[in-house]
Amino acid sequence: MNRLTLKYAYDRSFFDPKLTRDDFGYLSISARTDSFSGRGGFWVQWQDVREFSEALATFPIATNAPIAAQWGYEMQEGDDLILRIAIAAANKHGDLLASFVIADLHSRSSRVSGSFQTNYPDIEDFRLSIARMMDSEFEEAVLEGR
């Protein structure tokens, strides 16, 4: 079974008006494919997660323009890249490719990357789940794949 799972934990200042509001929270990602699995996380702005979710409504997703979000240090390249999620066209038949990179926050050279095929209905479910997760209605958002 192929699956990508997101969880977002807002900083407690997001809910407490007595505290100075911090726009960062912890995004956890776990991925499981038929061959391997990995998990990790990084402190990201909640607005970035919402923007990624909204971008997933794009139809069709162009072959040369994947919908992607990534987080990490400095230039977010090499070992500085901690998390990356991308959705791209897989072929001319309407299949999509979900790809990911997850690095260990404390040992950045330890990382997993992979991909699996999915489709537009599953991407739409994922998009709606992310939105509901960010509204604290769902604990996690899951993308299923083949």
C-alpha atoms as a PDB file:
ATOM      1  CA  MET A   1       0.000   0.000   0.000  1.00  0.00           C
ATOM      2  CA  ASN A   2       1.260   3.447  -0.938  1.00  0.00           C
ATOM      3  CA  ARG A   3       0.403   6.271   1.404  1.00  0.00           C
ATOM      4  CA  LEU A   4       1.547   9.776   2.308  1.00  0.00           C
ATOM      5  CA  THR A   5       0.324  11.172   5.638  1.00  0.00           C
ATOM      6  CA  LEU A   6       0.568  14.755   6.905  1.00  0.00           C
ATOM      7  CA  LYS A   7      -0.039  15.993  10.447  1.00  0.00           C
ATOM      8  CA  TYR A   8       0.228  19.604  11.570  1.00  0.00           C
ATOM      9  CA  ALA A   9       0.639  20.819  15.149  1.00  0.00           C
ATOM     10  CA  TYR A  10       0.119  24.554  15.556  1.00  0.00           C
ATOM     11  CA  ASP A  11       2.276  26.432  18.025  1.00  0.00           C
ATOM     12  CA  ARG A  12       0.215  26.930  21.187  1.00  0.00           C
ATOM     13  CA  SER A  13       0.259  30.691  20.603  1.00  0.00           C
ATOM     14  CA  PHE A  14      -2.065  30.113  17.647  1.00  0.00           C
ATOM     15  CA  PHE A  15      -4.890  29.342  20.077  1.00  0.00           C
ATOM     16  CA  ASP A  16      -3.938  31.514  23.058  1.00  0.00           C
ATOM     17  CA  PRO A  17      -4.661  35.245  22.524  1.00  0.00           C
ATOM     18  CA  LYS A  18      -2.491  36.094  25.565  1.00  0.00           C
ATOM     19  CA  LEU A  19       0.645  34.926  23.728  1.00  0.00           C
ATOM     20  CA  THR A  20       2.441  36.604  20.865  1.00  0.00           C
ATOM     21  CA  ARG A  21       1.256  34.680  17.825  1.00  0.00           C
ATOM     22  CA  ASP A  22       3.773  32.490  16.067  1.00  0.00           C
ATOM     23  CA  ASP A  23       2.893  31.465  12.510  1.00  0.00           C
ATOM     24  CA  PHE A  24       5.010  28.306  12.716  1.00  0.00           C
ATOM     25  CA  GLY A  25       3.900  24.824  13.619  1.00  0.00           C
ATOM     26  CA  TYR A  26       5.349  21.355  13.210  1.00  0.00           C
ATOM     27  CA  LEU A  27       4.518  19.489  10.003  1.00  0.00           C
ATOM     28  CA  SER A  28       5.014  15.737  10.295  1.00  0.00           C
ATOM     29  CA  ILE A  29       5.165  13.624   7.170  1.00  0.00           C
ATOM     30  CA  SER A  30       5.204   9.869   6.913  1.00  0.00           C
ATOM     31  CA  ALA A  31       5.401   7.939   3.683  1.00  0.00           C
ATOM     32  CA  ARG A  32       4.962   4.267   2.986  1.00  0.00           C
ATOM     33  CA  THR A  33       5.346   2.553  -0.350  1.00  0.00           C
ATOM     34  CA  ASP A  34       5.457  -1.096  -1.271  1.00  0.00           C
ATOM     35  CA  SER A  35       9.262  -0.964  -0.960  1.00  0.00           C
ATOM     36  CA  PHE A  36      10.076   1.225   2.049  1.00  0.00           C
ATOM     37  CA  SER A  37       8.875   3.847   4.505  1.00  0.00           C
ATOM     38  CA  GLY A  38      10.089   6.990   6.219  1.00  0.00           C
ATOM     39  CA  ARG A  39       8.922   9.775   8.469  1.00  0.00           C
ATOM     40  CA  GLY A  40      10.113  13.164   9.608  1.00  0.00           C
ATOM     41  CA  GLY A  41       9.049  16.703  10.204  1.00  0.00           C
ATOM     42  CA  PHE A  42       9.993  20.355  10.208  1.00  0.00           C
ATOM     43  CA  TRP A  43       8.768  23.691  11.569  1.00  0.00           C
ATOM     44  CA  VAL A  44       6.771  25.377   8.809  1.00  0.00           C
ATOM     45  CA  GLN A  45       4.415  28.311   8.494  1.00  0.00           C
ATOM     46  CA  TRP A  46       0.775  27.246   8.522  1.00  0.00           C
ATOM     47  CA  GLN A  47       0.136  29.532   5.539  1.00  0.00           C
ATOM     48  CA  ASP A  48       2.505  27.424   3.407  1.00  0.00           C
ATOM     49  CA  VAL A  49       0.522  24.276   4.133  1.00  0.00           C
ATOM     50  CA  ARG A  50      -2.749  26.014   3.246  1.00  0.00           C
ATOM     51  CA  GLU A  51      -1.264  27.374  -0.004  1.00  0.00           C
ATOM     52  CA  PHE A  52      -0.077  23.905  -0.979  1.00  0.00           C
ATOM     53  CA  SER A  53      -3.564  22.549  -0.295  1.00  0.00           C
ATOM     54  CA  GLU A  54      -5.200  25.247  -2.406  1.00  0.00           C
ATOM     55  CA  ALA A  55      -2.778  24.643  -5.275  1.00  0.00           C
ATOM     56  CA  LEU A  56      -3.847  20.990  -5.396  1.00  0.00           C
ATOM     57  CA  ALA A  57      -7.171  22.163  -6.899  1.00  0.00           C
ATOM     58  CA  THR A  58      -5.319  22.850 -10.175  1.00  0.00           C
ATOM     59  CA  PHE A  59      -6.699  20.907 -13.116  1.00  0.00           C
ATOM     60  CA  PRO A  60      -5.065  19.674 -15.151  1.00  0.00           C
ATOM     61  CA  ILE A  61      -1.678  19.562 -13.510  1.00  0.00           C
ATOM     62  CA  ALA A  62       0.843  20.355 -16.213  1.00  0.00           C
ATOM     63  CA  THR A  63       3.562  17.855 -17.037  1.00  0.00           C
ATOM     64  CA  ASN A  64       6.271  20.496 -16.738  1.00  0.00           C
ATOM     65  CA  ALA A  65       4.791  22.335 -13.714  1.00  0.00           C
ATOM     66  CA  PRO A  66       4.361  20.084 -10.675  1.00  0.00           C
ATOM     67  CA  ILE A  67       2.578  21.359  -7.607  1.00  0.00           C
ATOM     68  CA  ALA A  68       5.262  21.293  -4.952  1.00  0.00           C
ATOM     69  CA  ALA A  69       6.082  22.461  -1.468  1.00  0.00           C
ATOM     70  CA  GLN A  70       9.365  22.098   0.332  1.00  0.00           C
ATOM     71  CA  TRP A  71      10.911  23.149   3.589  1.00  0.00           C
ATOM     72  CA  GLY A  72      14.369  23.150   5.039  1.00  0.00           C
ATOM     73  CA  TYR A  73      17.377  25.295   5.813  1.00  0.00           C
ATOM     74  CA  GLU A  74      18.947  28.077   3.772  1.00  0.00           C
ATOM     75  CA  MET A  75      18.685  27.210   0.045  1.00  0.00           C
ATOM     76  CA  GLN A  76      16.685  24.003   0.654  1.00  0.00           C
ATOM     77  CA  GLU A  77      19.056  22.004  -1.530  1.00  0.00           C
ATOM     78  CA  GLY A  78      21.120  18.904  -0.779  1.00  0.00           C
ATOM     79  CA  ASP A  79      21.253  18.169   2.942  1.00  0.00           C
ATOM     80  CA  ASP A  80      19.461  21.483   3.665  1.00  0.00           C
ATOM     81  CA  LEU A  81      16.243  20.107   2.147  1.00  0.00           C
ATOM     82  CA  ILE A  82      14.218  18.467   4.924  1.00  0.00           C
ATOM     83  CA  LEU A  83      10.732  17.956   3.440  1.00  0.00           C
ATOM     84  CA  ARG A  84       9.427  18.018  -0.113  1.00  0.00           C
ATOM     85  CA  ILE A  85       6.102  16.958  -1.574  1.00  0.00           C
ATOM     86  CA  ALA A  86       5.346  17.219  -5.283  1.00  0.00           C
ATOM     87  CA  ILE A  87       2.400  16.197  -7.435  1.00  0.00           C
ATOM     88  CA  ALA A  88       3.004  15.970 -11.182  1.00  0.00           C
ATOM     89  CA  ALA A  89       1.410  14.470 -14.246  1.00  0.00           C
ATOM     90  CA  ALA A  90       2.625  10.872 -14.619  1.00  0.00           C
ATOM     91  CA  ASN A  91       1.442  10.214 -18.157  1.00  0.00           C
ATOM     92  CA  LYS A  92      -1.027  11.323 -20.814  1.00  0.00           C
ATOM     93  CA  HIS A  93      -3.779   9.116 -19.365  1.00  0.00           C
ATOM     94  CA  GLY A  94      -4.495  11.370 -16.368  1.00  0.00           C
ATOM     95  CA  ASP A  95      -2.463   9.508 -13.777  1.00  0.00           C
ATOM     96  CA  LEU A  96      -0.482  11.589 -11.306  1.00  0.00           C
ATOM     97  CA  LEU A  97       2.828  11.005  -9.564  1.00  0.00           C
ATOM     98  CA  ALA A  98       3.196  11.900  -5.891  1.00  0.00           C
ATOM     99  CA  SER A  99       6.832  12.243  -4.902  1.00  0.00           C
ATOM    100  CA  PHE A 100       8.415  13.041  -1.573  1.00  0.00           C
ATOM    101  CA  VAL A 101      11.684  13.637   0.222  1.00  0.00           C
ATOM    102  CA  ILE A 102      11.898  13.266   3.987  1.00  0.00           C
ATOM    103  CA  ALA A 103      15.141  13.901   5.857  1.00  0.00           C
ATOM    104  CA  ASP A 104      15.942  13.347   9.511  1.00  0.00           C
ATOM    105  CA  LEU A 105      15.862  16.738  11.197  1.00  0.00           C
ATOM    106  CA  HIS A 106      18.955  15.992  13.314  1.00  0.00           C
ATOM    107  CA  SER A 107      20.938  13.845  10.881  1.00  0.00           C
ATOM    108  CA  ARG A 108      20.162  15.504   7.581  1.00  0.00           C
ATOM    109  CA  SER A 109      22.135  13.064   5.461  1.00  0.00           C
ATOM    110  CA  SER A 110      19.669  10.372   6.560  1.00  0.00           C
ATOM    111  CA  ARG A 111      16.801  10.690   4.141  1.00  0.00           C
ATOM    112  CA  VAL A 112      14.246   8.788   2.151  1.00  0.00           C
ATOM    113  CA  SER A 113      12.736   9.711  -1.182  1.00  0.00           C
ATOM    114  CA  GLY A 114      10.212   7.997  -3.335  1.00  0.00           C
ATOM    115  CA  SER A 115       7.095   8.258  -5.396  1.00  0.00           C
ATOM    116  CA  PHE A 116       3.889   6.480  -6.249  1.00  0.00           C
ATOM    117  CA  GLN A 117       1.054   6.906  -8.693  1.00  0.00           C
ATOM    118  CA  THR A 118      -2.246   8.428  -7.690  1.00  0.00           C
ATOM    119  CA  ASN A 119      -5.171  10.133  -9.415  1.00  0.00           C
ATOM    120  CA  TYR A 120      -7.239  13.310  -9.387  1.00  0.00           C
ATOM    121  CA  PRO A 121     -10.032  12.017  -7.115  1.00  0.00           C
ATOM    122  CA  ASP A 122      -7.474  10.963  -4.484  1.00  0.00           C
ATOM    123  CA  ILE A 123      -5.680  14.311  -4.810  1.00  0.00           C
ATOM    124  CA  GLU A 124      -8.996  16.102  -4.275  1.00  0.00           C
ATOM    125  CA  ASP A 125      -9.669  14.044  -1.145  1.00  0.00           C
ATOM    126  CA  PHE A 126      -6.151  14.849   0.051  1.00  0.00           C
ATOM    127  CA  ARG A 127      -6.663  18.566  -0.637  1.00  0.00           C
ATOM    128  CA  LEU A 128      -9.897  18.642   1.335  1.00  0.00           C
ATOM    129  CA  SER A 129      -8.332  16.649   4.168  1.00  0.00           C
ATOM    130  CA  ILE A 130      -5.424  19.089   4.411  1.00  0.00           C
ATOM    131  CA  ALA A 131      -7.860  22.005   4.604  1.00  0.00           C
ATOM    132  CA  ARG A 132      -9.834  20.278   7.347  1.00  0.00           C
ATOM    133  CA  MET A 133      -6.636  19.346   9.173  1.00  0.00           C
ATOM    134  CA  MET A 134      -5.570  22.991   9.109  1.00  0.00           C
ATOM    135  CA  ASP A 135      -9.000  23.919  10.512  1.00  0.00           C
ATOM    136  CA  SER A 136      -8.372  21.399  13.334  1.00  0.00           C
ATOM    137  CA  GLU A 137     -11.269  19.221  12.149  1.00  0.00           C
ATOM    138  CA  PHE A 138      -9.037  16.300  11.107  1.00  0.00           C
ATOM    139  CA  GLU A 139      -5.944  15.029  12.866  1.00  0.00           C
ATOM    140  CA  GLU A 140      -4.220  14.061   9.632  1.00  0.00           C
ATOM    141  CA  ALA A 141      -4.474  14.206   5.859  1.00  0.00           C
ATOM    142  CA  VAL A 142      -3.772  11.057   3.868  1.00  0.00           C
ATOM    143  CA  LEU A 143      -2.999  10.564   0.177  1.00  0.00           C
ATOM    144  CA  GLU A 144      -3.527   7.029  -1.049  1.00  0.00           C
ATOM    145  CA  GLY A 145      -1.787   5.716  -4.120  1.00  0.00           C
ATOM    146  CA  ARG A 146      -1.258   2.697  -6.289  1.00  0.00           C
END
